[in-house]
Each structure stands twice: as C-alpha cells, then as structure tokens.
Amino acid sequence: MSKLDPYELEVLQAYESGKLKPSAGKAELQRLRAAARATAIKDKRVNIRLSSVDLQDIQARALEEGMPYQTLIASVLHKYVTGRLSESRPPAAGAKRRHTPRSS
C-alpha cells in the first residue's frame, strides 16, 4: 500500500473510528444502486463516426474524469435519453474551437 498523505490518514482514522456517516439515506442509496445496475447493463453494440477532434476532446475529458472514454460516451447518451442532460448556452462569439477539415 502506498504511503498516505496527512489528509488521507485523517480520513482513514475517522472511518476506522466510526466518525464518518453516509451522506445519503437508505432510500437514496437504493435509488443510486438501481440506477447503477440499469446503466451497467450493456447488451447492444453500436458504431458511430466522430471527428478526430471530438474524439480527442472526449478522450481528454474521460481522462480528467478517470474513466474510459467509451464509458463517458455511454453515460452522456444515457443522461440525454433520460432527460438528465441539459443543454448549455452556445459558446460566446469569440470562443475558439479546434476544427479539422473533413476529407472528401
């Protein structure tokens, strides 16, 4: 096991002494478990085409989130179809986005 920093040691000691309490109640934990089970069932495969720039951005975001990029894509799609993904405002007029020209 790697050496713990002071904060990690404090958290471990609080856990071991029973000072940490769950932040969610039983009903909330059941709801979260059911949602996790429902999203974990992946019984279909799809192929999609993405621009290389979008794929790189997705992979970078997944790395930041600490998950495989395919999992991030599935999560975003799941949130969209269940109505839990809200649209944000379009980027400001001066905002720049990388773009790679499409090949013909």
PDB file of N, CA and C in Angstrom:
ATOM      1  N   MET A   1       0.851  -1.186   0.000  1.00  0.00           N
ATOM      2  CA  MET A   1       0.000   0.000   0.000  1.00  0.00           C
ATOM      3  C   MET A   1       0.889   1.239   0.000  1.00  0.00           C
ATOM      4  N   SER A   2       0.479   2.243  -0.744  1.00  0.00           N
ATOM      5  CA  SER A   2       1.281   3.459  -0.804  1.00  0.00           C
ATOM      6  C   SER A   2       1.129   4.259   0.489  1.00  0.00           C
ATOM      7  N   LYS A   3       2.078   5.127   0.735  1.00  0.00           N
ATOM      8  CA  LYS A   3       2.050   5.962   1.935  1.00  0.00           C
ATOM      9  C   LYS A   3       0.929   6.995   1.822  1.00  0.00           C
ATOM     10  N   LEU A   4       0.188   7.178   2.900  1.00  0.00           N
ATOM     11  CA  LEU A   4      -0.928   8.114   2.906  1.00  0.00           C
ATOM     12  C   LEU A   4      -0.451   9.512   3.272  1.00  0.00           C
ATOM     13  N   ASP A   5      -1.044  10.507   2.593  1.00  0.00           N
ATOM     14  CA  ASP A   5      -0.732  11.881   2.982  1.00  0.00           C
ATOM     15  C   ASP A   5      -1.547  12.215   4.245  1.00  0.00           C
ATOM     16  N   PRO A   6      -1.280  13.342   4.896  1.00  0.00           N
ATOM     17  CA  PRO A   6      -1.969  13.665   6.159  1.00  0.00           C
ATOM     18  C   PRO A   6      -3.496  13.662   6.044  1.00  0.00           C
ATOM     19  N   TYR A   7      -4.040  14.192   4.952  1.00  0.00           N
ATOM     20  CA  TYR A   7      -5.493  14.221   4.786  1.00  0.00           C
ATOM     21  C   TYR A   7      -6.047  12.799   4.666  1.00  0.00           C
ATOM     22  N   GLU A   8      -5.403  11.966   3.841  1.00  0.00           N
ATOM     23  CA  GLU A   8      -5.859  10.592   3.676  1.00  0.00           C
ATOM     24  C   GLU A   8      -5.797   9.829   5.002  1.00  0.00           C
ATOM     25  N   LEU A   9      -4.750  10.070   5.766  1.00  0.00           N
ATOM     26  CA  LEU A   9      -4.611   9.436   7.071  1.00  0.00           C
ATOM     27  C   LEU A   9      -5.747   9.871   8.008  1.00  0.00           C
ATOM     28  N   GLU A  10      -6.081  11.159   7.970  1.00  0.00           N
ATOM     29  CA  GLU A  10      -7.179  11.684   8.791  1.00  0.00           C
ATOM     30  C   GLU A  10      -8.502  11.025   8.414  1.00  0.00           C
ATOM     31  N   VAL A  11      -8.756  10.881   7.110  1.00  0.00           N
ATOM     32  CA  VAL A  11      -9.987  10.252   6.641  1.00  0.00           C
ATOM     33  C   VAL A  11     -10.022   8.782   7.065  1.00  0.00           C
ATOM     34  N   LEU A  12      -8.910   8.078   6.908  1.00  0.00           N
ATOM     35  CA  LEU A  12      -8.842   6.682   7.303  1.00  0.00           C
ATOM     36  C   LEU A  12      -9.116   6.515   8.799  1.00  0.00           C
ATOM     37  N   GLN A  13      -8.515   7.368   9.602  1.00  0.00           N
ATOM     38  CA  GLN A  13      -8.728   7.288  11.050  1.00  0.00           C
ATOM     39  C   GLN A  13     -10.187   7.582  11.413  1.00  0.00           C
ATOM     40  N   ALA A  14     -10.784   8.555  10.745  1.00  0.00           N
ATOM     41  CA  ALA A  14     -12.187   8.878  11.001  1.00  0.00           C
ATOM     42  C   ALA A  14     -13.082   7.704  10.600  1.00  0.00           C
ATOM     43  N   TYR A  15     -12.766   7.061   9.488  1.00  0.00           N
ATOM     44  CA  TYR A  15     -13.542   5.893   9.040  1.00  0.00           C
ATOM     45  C   TYR A  15     -13.416   4.754  10.043  1.00  0.00           C
ATOM     46  N   GLU A  16     -12.183   4.449  10.427  1.00  0.00           N
ATOM     47  CA  GLU A  16     -11.943   3.339  11.338  1.00  0.00           C
ATOM     48  C   GLU A  16     -12.560   3.571  12.719  1.00  0.00           C
ATOM     49  N   SER A  17     -12.661   4.821  13.140  1.00  0.00           N
ATOM     50  CA  SER A  17     -13.240   5.114  14.450  1.00  0.00           C
ATOM     51  C   SER A  17     -14.763   5.228  14.399  1.00  0.00           C
ATOM     52  N   GLY A  18     -15.347   5.136  13.204  1.00  0.00           N
ATOM     53  CA  GLY A  18     -16.803   5.211  13.066  1.00  0.00           C
ATOM     54  C   GLY A  18     -17.358   6.619  13.039  1.00  0.00           C
ATOM     55  N   LYS A  19     -16.488   7.612  12.869  1.00  0.00           N
ATOM     56  CA  LYS A  19     -16.951   9.005  12.857  1.00  0.00           C
ATOM     57  C   LYS A  19     -17.601   9.401  11.530  1.00  0.00           C
ATOM     58  N   LEU A  20     -17.295   8.682  10.454  1.00  0.00           N
ATOM     59  CA  LEU A  20     -17.875   9.011   9.154  1.00  0.00           C
ATOM     60  C   LEU A  20     -19.262   8.391   9.035  1.00  0.00           C
ATOM     61  N   LYS A  21     -20.198   9.162   8.563  1.00  0.00           N
ATOM     62  CA  LYS A  21     -21.573   8.707   8.378  1.00  0.00           C
ATOM     63  C   LYS A  21     -21.949   8.871   6.914  1.00  0.00           C
ATOM     64  N   PRO A  22     -22.768   7.967   6.363  1.00  0.00           N
ATOM     65  CA  PRO A  22     -23.197   8.104   4.969  1.00  0.00           C
ATOM     66  C   PRO A  22     -23.952   9.418   4.769  1.00  0.00           C
ATOM     67  N   SER A  23     -23.747  10.041   3.636  1.00  0.00           N
ATOM     68  CA  SER A  23     -24.444  11.306   3.365  1.00  0.00           C
ATOM     69  C   SER A  23     -25.816  11.068   2.744  1.00  0.00           C
ATOM     70  N   ALA A  24     -26.060   9.858   2.245  1.00  0.00           N
ATOM     71  CA  ALA A  24     -27.352   9.543   1.640  1.00  0.00           C
ATOM     72  C   ALA A  24     -28.118   8.594   2.552  1.00  0.00           C
ATOM     73  N   GLY A  25     -29.429   8.755   2.578  1.00  0.00           N
ATOM     74  CA  GLY A  25     -30.274   7.857   3.362  1.00  0.00           C
ATOM     75  C   GLY A  25     -30.466   6.538   2.629  1.00  0.00           C
ATOM     76  N   LYS A  26     -31.184   5.611   3.251  1.00  0.00           N
ATOM     77  CA  LYS A  26     -31.398   4.291   2.656  1.00  0.00           C
ATOM     78  C   LYS A  26     -32.137   4.378   1.321  1.00  0.00           C
ATOM     79  N   ALA A  27     -33.145   5.223   1.250  1.00  0.00           N
ATOM     80  CA  ALA A  27     -33.917   5.355   0.005  1.00  0.00           C
ATOM     81  C   ALA A  27     -33.039   5.882  -1.118  1.00  0.00           C
ATOM     82  N   GLU A  28     -32.212   6.863  -0.814  1.00  0.00           N
ATOM     83  CA  GLU A  28     -31.317   7.434  -1.818  1.00  0.00           C
ATOM     84  C   GLU A  28     -30.289   6.404  -2.265  1.00  0.00           C
ATOM     85  N   LEU A  29     -29.747   5.631  -1.338  1.00  0.00           N
ATOM     86  CA  LEU A  29     -28.784   4.585  -1.697  1.00  0.00           C
ATOM     87  C   LEU A  29     -29.428   3.532  -2.592  1.00  0.00           C
ATOM     88  N   GLN A  30     -30.670   3.147  -2.288  1.00  0.00           N
ATOM     89  CA  GLN A  30     -31.372   2.173  -3.130  1.00  0.00           C
ATOM     90  C   GLN A  30     -31.591   2.727  -4.526  1.00  0.00           C
ATOM     91  N   ARG A  31     -31.964   4.002  -4.610  1.00  0.00           N
ATOM     92  CA  ARG A  31     -32.188   4.630  -5.918  1.00  0.00           C
ATOM     93  C   ARG A  31     -30.885   4.659  -6.723  1.00  0.00           C
ATOM     94  N   LEU A  32     -29.789   5.009  -6.066  1.00  0.00           N
ATOM     95  CA  LEU A  32     -28.498   5.068  -6.749  1.00  0.00           C
ATOM     96  C   LEU A  32     -28.032   3.683  -7.187  1.00  0.00           C
ATOM     97  N   ARG A  33     -28.253   2.678  -6.341  1.00  0.00           N
ATOM     98  CA  ARG A  33     -27.877   1.305  -6.718  1.00  0.00           C
ATOM     99  C   ARG A  33     -28.682   0.833  -7.929  1.00  0.00           C
ATOM    100  N   ALA A  34     -29.979   1.127  -7.939  1.00  0.00           N
ATOM    101  CA  ALA A  34     -30.831   0.723  -9.062  1.00  0.00           C
ATOM    102  C   ALA A  34     -30.389   1.417 -10.346  1.00  0.00           C
ATOM    103  N   ALA A  35     -30.050   2.692 -10.244  1.00  0.00           N
ATOM    104  CA  ALA A  35     -29.574   3.425 -11.420  1.00  0.00           C
ATOM    105  C   ALA A  35     -28.260   2.853 -11.923  1.00  0.00           C
ATOM    106  N   ALA A  36     -27.370   2.503 -11.005  1.00  0.00           N
ATOM    107  CA  ALA A  36     -26.080   1.926 -11.393  1.00  0.00           C
ATOM    108  C   ALA A  36     -26.287   0.586 -12.093  1.00  0.00           C
ATOM    109  N   ARG A  37     -27.189  -0.240 -11.555  1.00  0.00           N
ATOM    110  CA  ARG A  37     -27.459  -1.536 -12.190  1.00  0.00           C
ATOM    111  C   ARG A  37     -28.035  -1.340 -13.587  1.00  0.00           C
ATOM    112  N   ALA A  38     -28.968  -0.418 -13.727  1.00  0.00           N
ATOM    113  CA  ALA A  38     -29.623  -0.188 -15.016  1.00  0.00           C
ATOM    114  C   ALA A  38     -28.639   0.317 -16.059  1.00  0.00           C
ATOM    115  N   THR A  39     -27.725   1.173 -15.666  1.00  0.00           N
ATOM    116  CA  THR A  39     -26.780   1.714 -16.639  1.00  0.00           C
ATOM    117  C   THR A  39     -25.626   0.752 -16.899  1.00  0.00           C
ATOM    118  N   ALA A  40     -25.431  -0.218 -16.014  1.00  0.00           N
ATOM    119  CA  ALA A  40     -24.327  -1.163 -16.190  1.00  0.00           C
ATOM    120  C   ALA A  40     -24.662  -2.239 -17.208  1.00  0.00           C
ATOM    121  N   ILE A  41     -25.946  -2.448 -17.476  1.00  0.00           N
ATOM    122  CA  ILE A  41     -26.343  -3.489 -18.422  1.00  0.00           C
ATOM    123  C   ILE A  41     -26.143  -2.955 -19.834  1.00  0.00           C
ATOM    124  N   LYS A  42     -25.140  -3.470 -20.483  1.00  0.00           N
ATOM    125  CA  LYS A  42     -24.838  -3.039 -21.845  1.00  0.00           C
ATOM    126  C   LYS A  42     -24.943  -4.264 -22.743  1.00  0.00           C
ATOM    127  N   ASP A  43     -26.095  -4.398 -23.401  1.00  0.00           N
ATOM    128  CA  ASP A  43     -26.325  -5.594 -24.190  1.00  0.00           C
ATOM    129  C   ASP A  43     -26.360  -5.343 -25.698  1.00  0.00           C
ATOM    130  N   LYS A  44     -26.066  -4.128 -26.122  1.00  0.00           N
ATOM    131  CA  LYS A  44     -26.043  -3.802 -27.551  1.00  0.00           C
ATOM    132  C   LYS A  44     -24.766  -3.056 -27.886  1.00  0.00           C
ATOM    133  N   ARG A  45     -24.308  -3.249 -29.094  1.00  0.00           N
ATOM    134  CA  ARG A  45     -23.106  -2.583 -29.579  1.00  0.00           C
ATOM    135  C   ARG A  45     -23.502  -1.649 -30.722  1.00  0.00           C
ATOM    136  N   VAL A  46     -22.931  -0.461 -30.749  1.00  0.00           N
ATOM    137  CA  VAL A  46     -23.165   0.469 -31.847  1.00  0.00           C
ATOM    138  C   VAL A  46     -21.823   0.995 -32.342  1.00  0.00           C
ATOM    139  N   ASN A  47     -21.808   1.389 -33.576  1.00  0.00           N
ATOM    140  CA  ASN A  47     -20.629   2.036 -34.157  1.00  0.00           C
ATOM    141  C   ASN A  47     -21.049   3.425 -34.599  1.00  0.00           C
ATOM    142  N   ILE A  48     -20.261   4.424 -34.239  1.00  0.00           N
ATOM    143  CA  ILE A  48     -20.561   5.781 -34.673  1.00  0.00           C
ATOM    144  C   ILE A  48     -19.288   6.400 -35.232  1.00  0.00           C
ATOM    145  N   ARG A  49     -19.484   7.378 -36.072  1.00  0.00           N
ATOM    146  CA  ARG A  49     -18.345   8.106 -36.628  1.00  0.00           C
ATOM    147  C   ARG A  49     -18.295   9.459 -35.948  1.00  0.00           C
ATOM    148  N   LEU A  50     -17.108   9.827 -35.476  1.00  0.00           N
ATOM    149  CA  LEU A  50     -16.876  11.111 -34.830  1.00  0.00           C
ATOM    150  C   LEU A  50     -15.710  11.786 -35.506  1.00  0.00           C
ATOM    151  N   SER A  51     -15.674  13.089 -35.430  1.00  0.00           N
ATOM    152  CA  SER A  51     -14.488  13.781 -35.935  1.00  0.00           C
ATOM    153  C   SER A  51     -13.334  13.446 -34.992  1.00  0.00           C
ATOM    154  N   SER A  52     -12.135  13.461 -35.521  1.00  0.00           N
ATOM    155  CA  SER A  52     -10.974  13.148 -34.686  1.00  0.00           C
ATOM    156  C   SER A  52     -10.829  14.172 -33.559  1.00  0.00           C
ATOM    157  N   VAL A  53     -11.211  15.410 -33.826  1.00  0.00           N
ATOM    158  CA  VAL A  53     -11.129  16.451 -32.789  1.00  0.00           C
ATOM    159  C   VAL A  53     -12.102  16.150 -31.655  1.00  0.00           C
ATOM    160  N   ASP A  54     -13.347  15.779 -32.008  1.00  0.00           N
ATOM    161  CA  ASP A  54     -14.318  15.445 -30.966  1.00  0.00           C
ATOM    162  C   ASP A  54     -13.853  14.242 -30.156  1.00  0.00           C
ATOM    163  N   LEU A  55     -13.332  13.231 -30.834  1.00  0.00           N
ATOM    164  CA  LEU A  55     -12.858  12.048 -30.121  1.00  0.00           C
ATOM    165  C   LEU A  55     -11.708  12.402 -29.178  1.00  0.00           C
ATOM    166  N   GLN A  56     -10.789  13.232 -29.630  1.00  0.00           N
ATOM    167  CA  GLN A  56      -9.680  13.653 -28.760  1.00  0.00           C
ATOM    168  C   GLN A  56     -10.199  14.417 -27.546  1.00  0.00           C
ATOM    169  N   ASP A  57     -11.192  15.285 -27.769  1.00  0.00           N
ATOM    170  CA  ASP A  57     -11.771  16.046 -26.655  1.00  0.00           C
ATOM    171  C   ASP A  57     -12.485  15.118 -25.677  1.00  0.00           C
ATOM    172  N   ILE A  58     -13.203  14.127 -26.200  1.00  0.00           N
ATOM    173  CA  ILE A  58     -13.892  13.161 -25.345  1.00  0.00           C
ATOM    174  C   ILE A  58     -12.872  12.352 -24.547  1.00  0.00           C
ATOM    175  N   GLN A  59     -11.816  11.909 -25.202  1.00  0.00           N
ATOM    176  CA  GLN A  59     -10.793  11.128 -24.510  1.00  0.00           C
ATOM    177  C   GLN A  59     -10.112  11.957 -23.421  1.00  0.00           C
ATOM    178  N   ALA A  60      -9.864  13.227 -23.704  1.00  0.00           N
ATOM    179  CA  ALA A  60      -9.245  14.098 -22.702  1.00  0.00           C
ATOM    180  C   ALA A  60     -10.182  14.293 -21.511  1.00  0.00           C
ATOM    181  N   ARG A  61     -11.465  14.516 -21.781  1.00  0.00           N
ATOM    182  CA  ARG A  61     -12.441  14.698 -20.704  1.00  0.00           C
ATOM    183  C   ARG A  61     -12.566  13.422 -19.877  1.00  0.00           C
ATOM    184  N   ALA A  62     -12.578  12.266 -20.548  1.00  0.00           N
ATOM    185  CA  ALA A  62     -12.669  10.991 -19.834  1.00  0.00           C
ATOM    186  C   ALA A  62     -11.454  10.787 -18.935  1.00  0.00           C
ATOM    187  N   LEU A  63     -10.288  11.179 -19.431  1.00  0.00           N
ATOM    188  CA  LEU A  63      -9.074  11.074 -18.628  1.00  0.00           C
ATOM    189  C   LEU A  63      -9.187  11.948 -17.378  1.00  0.00           C
ATOM    190  N   GLU A  64      -9.713  13.159 -17.552  1.00  0.00           N
ATOM    191  CA  GLU A  64      -9.921  14.060 -16.407  1.00  0.00           C
ATOM    192  C   GLU A  64     -10.888  13.445 -15.395  1.00  0.00           C
ATOM    193  N   GLU A  65     -11.900  12.748 -15.904  1.00  0.00           N
ATOM    194  CA  GLU A  65     -12.916  12.143 -15.036  1.00  0.00           C
ATOM    195  C   GLU A  65     -12.463  10.795 -14.481  1.00  0.00           C
ATOM    196  N   GLY A  66     -11.367  10.254 -15.023  1.00  0.00           N
ATOM    197  CA  GLY A  66     -10.854   8.974 -14.538  1.00  0.00           C
ATOM    198  C   GLY A  66     -11.660   7.780 -14.996  1.00  0.00           C
ATOM    199  N   MET A  67     -12.140   7.828 -16.239  1.00  0.00           N
ATOM    200  CA  MET A  67     -12.929   6.706 -16.749  1.00  0.00           C
ATOM    201  C   MET A  67     -12.589   6.460 -18.212  1.00  0.00           C
ATOM    202  N   PRO A  68     -12.883   5.268 -18.726  1.00  0.00           N
ATOM    203  CA  PRO A  68     -12.670   5.010 -20.149  1.00  0.00           C
ATOM    204  C   PRO A  68     -13.573   5.921 -20.998  1.00  0.00           C
ATOM    205  N   TYR A  69     -13.081   6.307 -22.160  1.00  0.00           N
ATOM    206  CA  TYR A  69     -13.874   7.241 -22.966  1.00  0.00           C
ATOM    207  C   TYR A  69     -15.180   6.622 -23.446  1.00  0.00           C
ATOM    208  N   GLN A  70     -15.214   5.303 -23.682  1.00  0.00           N
ATOM    209  CA  GLN A  70     -16.462   4.662 -24.101  1.00  0.00           C
ATOM    210  C   GLN A  70     -17.506   4.768 -22.988  1.00  0.00           C
ATOM    211  N   THR A  71     -17.066   4.652 -21.743  1.00  0.00           N
ATOM    212  CA  THR A  71     -17.974   4.779 -20.600  1.00  0.00           C
ATOM    213  C   THR A  71     -18.530   6.197 -20.522  1.00  0.00           C
ATOM    214  N   LEU A  72     -17.678   7.180 -20.776  1.00  0.00           N
ATOM    215  CA  LEU A  72     -18.137   8.569 -20.777  1.00  0.00           C
ATOM    216  C   LEU A  72     -19.187   8.794 -21.856  1.00  0.00           C
ATOM    217  N   ILE A  73     -18.945   8.281 -23.053  1.00  0.00           N
ATOM    218  CA  ILE A  73     -19.908   8.431 -24.154  1.00  0.00           C
ATOM    219  C   ILE A  73     -21.234   7.781 -23.767  1.00  0.00           C
ATOM    220  N   ALA A  74     -21.180   6.553 -23.232  1.00  0.00           N
ATOM    221  CA  ALA A  74     -22.412   5.862 -22.824  1.00  0.00           C
ATOM    222  C   ALA A  74     -23.140   6.636 -21.738  1.00  0.00           C
ATOM    223  N   SER A  75     -22.398   7.209 -20.806  1.00  0.00           N
ATOM    224  CA  SER A  75     -23.004   7.978 -19.726  1.00  0.00           C
ATOM    225  C   SER A  75     -23.712   9.222 -20.252  1.00  0.00           C
ATOM    226  N   VAL A  76     -23.058   9.929 -21.147  1.00  0.00           N
ATOM    227  CA  VAL A  76     -23.657  11.140 -21.726  1.00  0.00           C
ATOM    228  C   VAL A  76     -24.927  10.782 -22.495  1.00  0.00           C
ATOM    229  N   LEU A  77     -24.871   9.723 -23.286  1.00  0.00           N
ATOM    230  CA  LEU A  77     -26.057   9.307 -24.037  1.00  0.00           C
ATOM    231  C   LEU A  77     -27.187   8.885 -23.093  1.00  0.00           C
ATOM    232  N   HIS A  78     -26.842   8.167 -22.041  1.00  0.00           N
ATOM    233  CA  HIS A  78     -27.857   7.744 -21.066  1.00  0.00           C
ATOM    234  C   HIS A  78     -28.502   8.956 -20.401  1.00  0.00           C
ATOM    235  N   LYS A  79     -27.691   9.912 -20.002  1.00  0.00           N
ATOM    236  CA  LYS A  79     -28.238  11.115 -19.371  1.00  0.00           C
ATOM    237  C   LYS A  79     -29.127  11.879 -20.344  1.00  0.00           C
ATOM    238  N   TYR A  80     -28.757  11.900 -21.614  1.00  0.00           N
ATOM    239  CA  TYR A  80     -29.558  12.605 -22.614  1.00  0.00           C
ATOM    240  C   TYR A  80     -30.927  11.942 -22.780  1.00  0.00           C
ATOM    241  N   VAL A  81     -30.937  10.621 -22.964  1.00  0.00           N
ATOM    242  CA  VAL A  81     -32.220   9.958 -23.213  1.00  0.00           C
ATOM    243  C   VAL A  81     -33.106   9.889 -21.987  1.00  0.00           C
ATOM    244  N   THR A  82     -32.524  10.017 -20.796  1.00  0.00           N
ATOM    245  CA  THR A  82     -33.346  10.016 -19.580  1.00  0.00           C
ATOM    246  C   THR A  82     -33.709  11.433 -19.142  1.00  0.00           C
ATOM    247  N   GLY A  83     -33.322  12.440 -19.937  1.00  0.00           N
ATOM    248  CA  GLY A  83     -33.695  13.816 -19.647  1.00  0.00           C
ATOM    249  C   GLY A  83     -32.879  14.474 -18.551  1.00  0.00           C
ATOM    250  N   ARG A  84     -31.746  13.893 -18.190  1.00  0.00           N
ATOM    251  CA  ARG A  84     -30.930  14.466 -17.125  1.00  0.00           C
ATOM    252  C   ARG A  84     -29.750  15.265 -17.659  1.00  0.00           C
ATOM    253  N   LEU A  85     -29.687  15.455 -18.957  1.00  0.00           N
ATOM    254  CA  LEU A  85     -28.619  16.244 -19.555  1.00  0.00           C
ATOM    255  C   LEU A  85     -29.234  17.519 -20.096  1.00  0.00           C
ATOM    256  N   SER A  86     -28.816  18.643 -19.556  1.00  0.00           N
ATOM    257  CA  SER A  86     -29.389  19.902 -20.012  1.00  0.00           C
ATOM    258  C   SER A  86     -28.439  20.570 -20.994  1.00  0.00           C
ATOM    259  N   GLU A  87     -29.027  21.253 -21.945  1.00  0.00           N
ATOM    260  CA  GLU A  87     -28.216  21.954 -22.935  1.00  0.00           C
ATOM    261  C   GLU A  87     -27.639  23.210 -22.319  1.00  0.00           C
ATOM    262  N   SER A  88     -26.407  23.499 -22.700  1.00  0.00           N
ATOM    263  CA  SER A  88     -25.795  24.739 -22.223  1.00  0.00           C
ATOM    264  C   SER A  88     -25.900  25.783 -23.319  1.00  0.00           C
ATOM    265  N   ARG A  89     -25.596  27.004 -22.941  1.00  0.00           N
ATOM    266  CA  ARG A  89     -25.624  28.079 -23.937  1.00  0.00           C
ATOM    267  C   ARG A  89     -24.544  27.835 -24.966  1.00  0.00           C
ATOM    268  N   PRO A  90     -24.755  28.287 -26.204  1.00  0.00           N
ATOM    269  CA  PRO A  90     -23.699  28.162 -27.213  1.00  0.00           C
ATOM    270  C   PRO A  90     -22.482  28.980 -26.779  1.00  0.00           C
ATOM    271  N   PRO A  91     -21.291  28.600 -27.243  1.00  0.00           N
ATOM    272  CA  PRO A  91     -20.095  29.362 -26.875  1.00  0.00           C
ATOM    273  C   PRO A  91     -20.219  30.817 -27.313  1.00  0.00           C
ATOM    274  N   ALA A  92     -19.551  31.687 -26.592  1.00  0.00           N
ATOM    275  CA  ALA A  92     -19.553  33.112 -26.937  1.00  0.00           C
ATOM    276  C   ALA A  92     -18.992  33.299 -28.337  1.00  0.00           C
ATOM    277  N   ALA A  93     -19.340  34.409 -28.952  1.00  0.00           N
ATOM    278  CA  ALA A  93     -18.935  34.668 -30.333  1.00  0.00           C
ATOM    279  C   ALA A  93     -17.430  34.581 -30.530  1.00  0.00           C
ATOM    280  N   GLY A  94     -16.644  34.982 -29.552  1.00  0.00           N
ATOM    281  CA  GLY A  94     -15.192  34.971 -29.691  1.00  0.00           C
ATOM    282  C   GLY A  94     -14.541  33.659 -29.294  1.00  0.00           C
ATOM    283  N   ALA A  95     -15.336  32.684 -28.797  1.00  0.00           N
ATOM    284  CA  ALA A  95     -14.757  31.413 -28.334  1.00  0.00           C
ATOM    285  C   ALA A  95     -14.208  30.628 -29.513  1.00  0.00           C
ATOM    286  N   LYS A  96     -13.070  30.014 -29.313  1.00  0.00           N
ATOM    287  CA  LYS A  96     -12.439  29.242 -30.376  1.00  0.00           C
ATOM    288  C   LYS A  96     -12.585  27.763 -30.084  1.00  0.00           C
ATOM    289  N   ARG A  97     -12.804  26.986 -31.120  1.00  0.00           N
ATOM    290  CA  ARG A  97     -12.849  25.525 -31.017  1.00  0.00           C
ATOM    291  C   ARG A  97     -11.947  24.983 -32.109  1.00  0.00           C
ATOM    292  N   ARG A  98     -11.169  23.988 -31.712  1.00  0.00           N
ATOM    293  CA  ARG A  98     -10.299  23.372 -32.713  1.00  0.00           C
ATOM    294  C   ARG A  98     -11.172  22.712 -33.771  1.00  0.00           C
ATOM    295  N   HIS A  99     -10.735  22.752 -34.982  1.00  0.00           N
ATOM    296  CA  HIS A  99     -11.502  22.122 -36.066  1.00  0.00           C
ATOM    297  C   HIS A  99     -10.525  21.539 -37.070  1.00  0.00           C
ATOM    298  N   THR A 100     -10.831  20.309 -37.482  1.00  0.00           N
ATOM    299  CA  THR A 100     -10.032  19.682 -38.517  1.00  0.00           C
ATOM    300  C   THR A 100     -10.908  19.572 -39.751  1.00  0.00           C
ATOM    301  N   PRO A 101     -10.428  19.995 -40.887  1.00  0.00           N
ATOM    302  CA  PRO A 101     -11.246  19.919 -42.094  1.00  0.00           C
ATOM    303  C   PRO A 101     -11.604  18.476 -42.423  1.00  0.00           C
ATOM    304  N   ARG A 102     -12.813  18.283 -42.918  1.00  0.00           N
ATOM    305  CA  ARG A 102     -13.237  16.940 -43.323  1.00  0.00           C
ATOM    306  C   ARG A 102     -12.566  16.574 -44.626  1.00  0.00           C
ATOM    307  N   SER A 103     -12.208  15.306 -44.741  1.00  0.00           N
ATOM    308  CA  SER A 103     -11.641  14.861 -46.015  1.00  0.00           C
ATOM    309  C   SER A 103     -12.777  14.422 -46.917  1.00  0.00           C
ATOM    310  N   SER A 104     -12.619  14.601 -48.221  1.00  0.00           N
ATOM    311  CA  SER A 104     -13.698  14.271 -49.143  1.00  0.00           C
ATOM    312  C   SER A 104     -13.664  12.832 -49.541  1.00  0.00           C
TER     313      SER A 104
END
